[in-house]
Amino acid sequence: MAIEHANVLRAAHLARLGVTDAQAERYVDDLSRILEMVDRLAEIDTEGVAPLSHPLDATQPLRADEAIEADRRDTFQSVAPATQDGLYLVPRVVE
């Protein structure tokens, strides 16, 4: 896939990025090289290769799901302008 100057300017416009013509030319070259690399990767035979979720065989240590702070809802709601049944009441924003 070839990237052109107009493609970079269009993407920058859609992303609301200010890109000069000189920067756009540099991005054309950079993005073209990236897409060439992706095309080369797509040509690799991956038949029989198991999907890899992480490059390292590591597990994330998890902590117990326990409340570590005292319930202070009543304290916080005592200074709120309006509450009802443990919920904060706020003015309607959308009609």
Protein backbone atom coordinates (compact mmCIF):
# COMPACT_ATOMS: atom_id res chain seq x y z
CA MET A 1 0.00 0.00 0.00
CA ALA A 2 1.44 3.33 -1.02
CA ILE A 3 1.04 6.35 1.20
CA GLU A 4 0.81 9.70 -0.53
CA HIS A 5 1.22 13.24 0.69
CA ALA A 6 -2.54 13.80 0.48
CA ASN A 7 -3.18 10.73 2.68
CA VAL A 8 -0.98 12.12 5.43
CA LEU A 9 -2.61 15.54 5.26
CA ARG A 10 -6.08 13.96 5.34
CA ALA A 11 -5.20 11.78 8.36
CA ALA A 12 -3.72 14.80 10.13
CA HIS A 13 -6.87 16.80 9.43
CA LEU A 14 -9.11 14.01 10.77
CA ALA A 15 -6.94 13.72 13.89
CA ARG A 16 -6.96 17.51 14.29
CA LEU A 17 -3.17 17.66 14.07
CA GLY A 18 -1.27 20.61 12.69
CA VAL A 19 1.17 19.18 10.14
CA THR A 20 3.31 21.25 7.81
CA ASP A 21 4.10 20.13 4.26
CA ALA A 22 7.69 19.34 5.29
CA GLN A 23 6.49 17.20 8.18
CA ALA A 24 3.97 15.48 5.93
CA GLU A 25 6.73 14.51 3.47
CA ARG A 26 8.74 12.99 6.31
CA TYR A 27 5.67 11.11 7.52
CA VAL A 28 5.07 9.78 4.01
CA ASP A 29 8.53 8.20 4.07
CA ASP A 30 8.15 6.87 7.64
CA LEU A 31 4.68 5.43 7.08
CA SER A 32 5.71 3.88 3.77
CA ARG A 33 8.59 2.05 5.46
CA ILE A 34 6.27 0.86 8.24
CA LEU A 35 3.74 -0.48 5.73
CA GLU A 36 6.52 -2.19 3.75
CA MET A 37 7.61 -3.95 6.95
CA VAL A 38 4.03 -5.03 7.65
CA ASP A 39 3.77 -6.41 4.11
CA ARG A 40 6.98 -8.39 4.65
CA LEU A 41 5.63 -9.74 7.95
CA ALA A 42 2.41 -10.78 6.22
CA GLU A 43 4.44 -12.92 3.80
CA ILE A 44 5.89 -15.06 6.60
CA ASP A 45 4.48 -18.58 6.83
CA THR A 46 2.94 -18.91 10.27
CA GLU A 47 1.20 -22.22 9.68
CA GLY A 48 1.39 -24.30 12.84
CA VAL A 49 2.59 -21.46 15.04
CA ALA A 50 0.47 -21.06 18.15
CA PRO A 51 -0.81 -17.56 18.92
CA LEU A 52 1.20 -15.76 21.55
CA SER A 53 -0.51 -13.56 24.10
CA HIS A 54 2.70 -12.38 25.74
CA PRO A 55 6.36 -12.78 24.76
CA LEU A 56 7.30 -13.86 28.27
CA ASP A 57 5.87 -16.85 30.08
CA ALA A 58 4.82 -14.80 33.07
CA THR A 59 1.70 -14.50 35.14
CA GLN A 60 0.38 -11.38 36.78
CA PRO A 61 0.42 -11.65 40.57
CA LEU A 62 -3.02 -10.85 41.87
CA ARG A 63 -3.95 -9.63 45.31
CA ALA A 64 -7.01 -10.75 47.20
CA ASP A 65 -10.13 -8.76 46.42
CA GLU A 66 -10.64 -7.29 49.86
CA ALA A 67 -11.80 -3.89 51.03
CA ILE A 68 -8.83 -2.20 52.65
CA GLU A 69 -10.52 1.07 53.62
CA ALA A 70 -13.38 1.60 56.00
CA ASP A 71 -16.77 2.52 54.53
CA ARG A 72 -16.95 6.31 54.91
CA ARG A 73 -19.94 6.92 52.66
CA ASP A 74 -22.03 8.41 55.48
CA THR A 75 -19.22 10.81 56.38
CA PHE A 76 -18.84 11.98 52.77
CA GLN A 77 -22.56 12.27 52.19
CA SER A 78 -23.08 14.28 55.37
CA VAL A 79 -21.50 17.29 53.62
CA ALA A 80 -23.16 16.70 50.23
CA PRO A 81 -25.87 19.15 49.19
CA ALA A 82 -28.45 16.40 48.47
CA THR A 83 -28.54 12.63 48.95
CA GLN A 84 -31.21 9.98 48.98
CA ASP A 85 -30.93 6.28 49.84
CA GLY A 86 -27.12 6.47 49.81
CA LEU A 87 -26.96 8.17 46.39
CA TYR A 88 -25.86 11.68 45.50
CA LEU A 89 -28.61 13.77 43.91
CA VAL A 90 -27.50 16.12 41.16
CA PRO A 91 -29.37 18.52 38.91
CA ARG A 92 -30.65 17.11 35.62
CA VAL A 93 -28.30 18.08 32.78
CA VAL A 94 -30.00 16.47 29.77
CA GLU A 95 -33.66 17.19 29.16
